[in-house]
Amino acid sequence: MGLYYEATGEISEELRPLHDKAESDDIEAQYQLGKAYYEGSYGVQNTSEAIEWLTKAASSGHMIAKYELGKLYADRNYHSFSCEKSFHWLNSSIEDGNISGKLSLANFYTNGICADKDYEKAFDILIEAANDGVVKAQYLVGLMLSEGVGVERSNTRAVNWLELASQGGSAKAKQSLAKMRINEHEPKLPAEK
């Protein structure tokens, strides 16, 4: 089916209704069609078509399409790799209130994707999301504080953030808290000379 589209340029019957809606400037249909091409739904995977339709939806203000484009342009496996475009679309989605965009941007700085590793910048982005109530960000802030990554180490602040994330349902935060509490009570061996 997907090969049929790529070989002939014709739209598969499964995608025809969505394609027709997208052609009539239905922003949600443009997003859904772009996502279908990106993910290979309906057996059709075509990155060029994905970018075209996601860009149309994003340019019309579709926040999630902006986010998806930001991720797509940051993927080195695609011929469309572009850090500049990735940052543009992720920041645009963040301006629209997309929390996932903040988490992706923090990930870029933590792992050196499209930017130099910058733990302080990653922490600043995550603390903003954590203050907005994002449980995953609360967990990551707690983890960074407990390990002193990008910020001065503070077990007290780490525990506060991990407890908040734990209350929000983060199993990883609960595990980190348990590990920290076990380590607090372990006897410390004298340093070897």
Protein backbone atom coordinates (compact mmCIF):
# COMPACT_ATOMS: atom_id res chain seq x y z
CA MET A 1 0.00 0.00 0.00
CA GLY A 2 2.67 2.52 1.01
CA LEU A 3 4.91 1.34 -1.77
CA TYR A 4 1.97 1.75 -4.11
CA TYR A 5 1.70 5.43 -3.20
CA GLU A 6 5.41 6.04 -3.50
CA ALA A 7 5.67 4.18 -6.80
CA THR A 8 2.58 5.65 -8.49
CA GLY A 9 1.95 8.91 -6.64
CA GLU A 10 -1.66 7.84 -6.05
CA ILE A 11 -3.37 8.01 -2.68
CA SER A 12 -4.45 4.72 -1.10
CA GLU A 13 -8.19 4.24 -0.62
CA GLU A 14 -7.77 4.21 3.16
CA LEU A 15 -6.15 7.65 3.13
CA ARG A 16 -8.40 9.22 0.47
CA PRO A 17 -11.05 10.68 2.89
CA LEU A 18 -8.38 12.13 5.18
CA HIS A 19 -6.42 13.45 2.21
CA ASP A 20 -9.52 15.13 0.78
CA LYS A 21 -10.23 16.86 4.11
CA ALA A 22 -6.59 17.96 4.37
CA GLU A 23 -6.72 19.35 0.83
CA SER A 24 -9.74 21.45 1.85
CA ASP A 25 -7.61 23.18 4.53
CA ASP A 26 -8.91 21.18 7.49
CA ILE A 27 -6.03 21.79 9.92
CA GLU A 28 -6.73 18.72 12.08
CA ALA A 29 -6.92 16.53 8.95
CA GLN A 30 -3.60 17.99 7.77
CA TYR A 31 -2.05 17.08 11.10
CA GLN A 32 -3.57 13.57 11.10
CA LEU A 33 -2.44 12.96 7.51
CA GLY A 34 1.09 14.17 8.27
CA LYS A 35 1.22 11.96 11.32
CA ALA A 36 -0.09 8.98 9.33
CA TYR A 37 2.68 9.44 6.75
CA TYR A 38 5.28 9.89 9.48
CA GLU A 39 4.25 6.81 11.46
CA GLY A 40 3.47 4.62 8.47
CA SER A 41 -0.21 4.23 9.35
CA TYR A 42 -2.34 2.49 6.76
CA GLY A 43 0.87 0.91 5.48
CA VAL A 44 2.00 4.23 4.03
CA GLN A 45 5.24 5.83 5.19
CA ASN A 46 6.53 8.88 3.38
CA THR A 47 8.66 11.44 5.20
CA SER A 48 8.35 14.08 2.48
CA GLU A 49 4.55 13.90 2.63
CA ALA A 50 4.68 13.90 6.44
CA ILE A 51 6.73 17.09 6.46
CA GLU A 52 4.49 18.74 3.86
CA TRP A 53 1.25 18.06 5.76
CA LEU A 54 2.65 18.69 9.23
CA THR A 55 4.11 21.98 8.00
CA LYS A 56 0.72 23.05 6.60
CA ALA A 57 -0.98 22.26 9.91
CA ALA A 58 1.81 23.84 11.99
CA SER A 59 1.84 26.98 9.84
CA SER A 60 -1.88 27.30 10.54
CA GLY A 61 -1.21 27.14 14.28
CA HIS A 62 -1.64 23.44 15.14
CA MET A 63 0.42 23.12 18.35
CA ILE A 64 0.98 19.36 18.20
CA ALA A 65 1.96 19.52 14.51
CA LYS A 66 4.63 22.04 15.52
CA TYR A 67 5.86 19.63 18.19
CA GLU A 68 5.89 16.66 15.79
CA LEU A 69 7.87 18.70 13.25
CA GLY A 70 10.35 19.65 15.95
CA LYS A 71 10.91 15.98 16.74
CA LEU A 72 11.04 14.96 13.08
CA TYR A 73 13.67 17.54 12.16
CA ALA A 74 15.82 16.40 15.11
CA ASP A 75 15.80 12.77 13.98
CA ARG A 76 19.12 12.02 12.30
CA ASN A 77 17.56 8.99 10.58
CA TYR A 78 15.54 11.23 8.28
CA HIS A 79 16.95 13.09 5.29
CA SER A 80 15.17 16.20 6.55
CA PHE A 81 17.40 16.52 9.64
CA SER A 82 17.70 20.21 10.59
CA CYS A 83 18.54 21.47 14.05
CA GLU A 84 17.50 25.00 13.13
CA LYS A 85 14.04 23.87 12.01
CA SER A 86 13.74 21.54 14.99
CA PHE A 87 14.39 24.35 17.47
CA HIS A 88 12.06 26.67 15.56
CA TRP A 89 9.10 24.30 15.69
CA LEU A 90 9.71 23.09 19.24
CA ASN A 91 9.97 26.66 20.54
CA SER A 92 6.85 27.61 18.61
CA SER A 93 4.96 24.71 20.21
CA ILE A 94 6.26 25.75 23.64
CA GLU A 95 5.05 29.30 23.05
CA ASP A 96 1.62 27.77 22.38
CA GLY A 97 1.78 25.98 25.75
CA ASN A 98 3.03 22.53 24.74
CA ILE A 99 4.65 20.95 27.79
CA SER A 100 6.03 18.03 25.75
CA GLY A 101 8.03 20.56 23.74
CA LYS A 102 9.73 21.69 26.95
CA LEU A 103 10.62 18.13 27.86
CA SER A 104 12.04 17.50 24.37
CA LEU A 105 14.07 20.70 24.47
CA ALA A 106 15.48 19.79 27.89
CA ASN A 107 16.35 16.38 26.46
CA PHE A 108 18.25 18.07 23.62
CA TYR A 109 20.44 19.94 26.11
CA THR A 110 20.86 16.93 28.40
CA ASN A 111 21.95 14.62 25.59
CA GLY A 112 23.63 17.03 23.19
CA ILE A 113 21.02 16.69 20.44
CA CYS A 114 21.20 19.67 18.08
CA ALA A 115 23.04 21.60 20.82
CA ASP A 116 26.03 21.28 23.06
CA LYS A 117 25.32 19.46 26.29
CA ASP A 118 24.18 22.09 28.75
CA TYR A 119 22.80 20.63 31.97
CA GLU A 120 22.15 24.06 33.48
CA LYS A 121 19.95 25.06 30.55
CA ALA A 122 18.19 21.68 30.69
CA PHE A 123 17.59 22.19 34.41
CA ASP A 124 16.18 25.69 33.83
CA ILE A 125 13.71 24.33 31.26
CA LEU A 126 12.73 21.42 33.49
CA ILE A 127 12.23 23.54 36.62
CA GLU A 128 9.84 25.73 34.64
CA ALA A 129 7.85 22.67 33.54
CA ALA A 130 8.01 21.22 37.06
CA ASN A 131 6.59 24.45 38.48
CA ASP A 132 3.79 24.13 35.92
CA GLY A 133 2.91 20.78 37.51
CA VAL A 134 4.44 18.40 34.96
CA VAL A 135 5.10 15.20 36.90
CA LYS A 136 7.87 13.92 34.61
CA ALA A 137 9.68 17.26 34.93
CA GLN A 138 9.27 17.15 38.72
CA TYR A 139 10.89 13.72 38.74
CA LEU A 140 13.76 14.84 36.50
CA VAL A 141 14.35 17.99 38.58
CA GLY A 142 14.49 15.84 41.71
CA LEU A 143 16.93 13.48 40.05
CA MET A 144 19.19 16.31 38.86
CA LEU A 145 19.15 17.86 42.34
CA SER A 146 19.97 14.54 44.00
CA GLU A 147 22.93 13.99 41.68
CA GLY A 148 24.05 17.61 41.35
CA VAL A 149 23.67 17.66 37.58
CA GLY A 150 23.24 21.16 36.16
CA VAL A 151 22.57 22.51 39.61
CA GLU A 152 24.11 22.41 43.06
CA ARG A 153 23.35 19.13 44.79
CA SER A 154 20.58 19.37 47.38
CA ASN A 155 19.04 16.24 48.84
CA THR A 156 16.41 18.29 50.67
CA ARG A 157 15.17 19.96 47.48
CA ALA A 158 15.52 16.66 45.60
CA VAL A 159 13.29 14.88 48.11
CA ASN A 160 10.70 17.68 47.87
CA TRP A 161 10.49 17.39 44.08
CA LEU A 162 10.56 13.59 44.11
CA GLU A 163 7.77 13.50 46.70
CA LEU A 164 5.71 15.85 44.56
CA ALA A 165 6.31 13.67 41.48
CA SER A 166 5.53 10.57 43.52
CA GLN A 167 2.22 12.09 44.63
CA GLY A 168 1.55 12.78 40.95
CA GLY A 169 1.92 9.08 40.19
CA SER A 170 5.55 8.73 39.12
CA ALA A 171 6.75 5.21 39.93
CA LYS A 172 10.33 6.25 39.13
CA ALA A 173 10.11 9.05 41.68
CA LYS A 174 8.92 6.56 44.31
CA GLN A 175 11.85 4.28 43.50
CA SER A 176 14.33 7.16 43.69
CA LEU A 177 12.92 8.25 47.05
CA ALA A 178 13.18 4.73 48.42
CA LYS A 179 16.76 4.44 47.21
CA MET A 180 17.69 7.81 48.74
CA ARG A 181 16.15 6.80 52.08
CA ILE A 182 17.99 3.47 52.11
CA ASN A 183 21.28 5.22 51.34
CA GLU A 184 20.66 7.69 54.21
CA HIS A 185 20.54 4.88 56.74
CA GLU A 186 23.41 2.76 55.45
CA PRO A 187 26.48 2.88 57.66
CA LYS A 188 29.29 4.81 56.05
CA LEU A 189 32.60 3.01 55.77
CA PRO A 190 35.70 5.01 56.53
CA ALA A 191 37.60 6.06 53.45
CA GLU A 192 40.59 3.87 52.64
CA LYS A 193 43.98 5.44 53.12
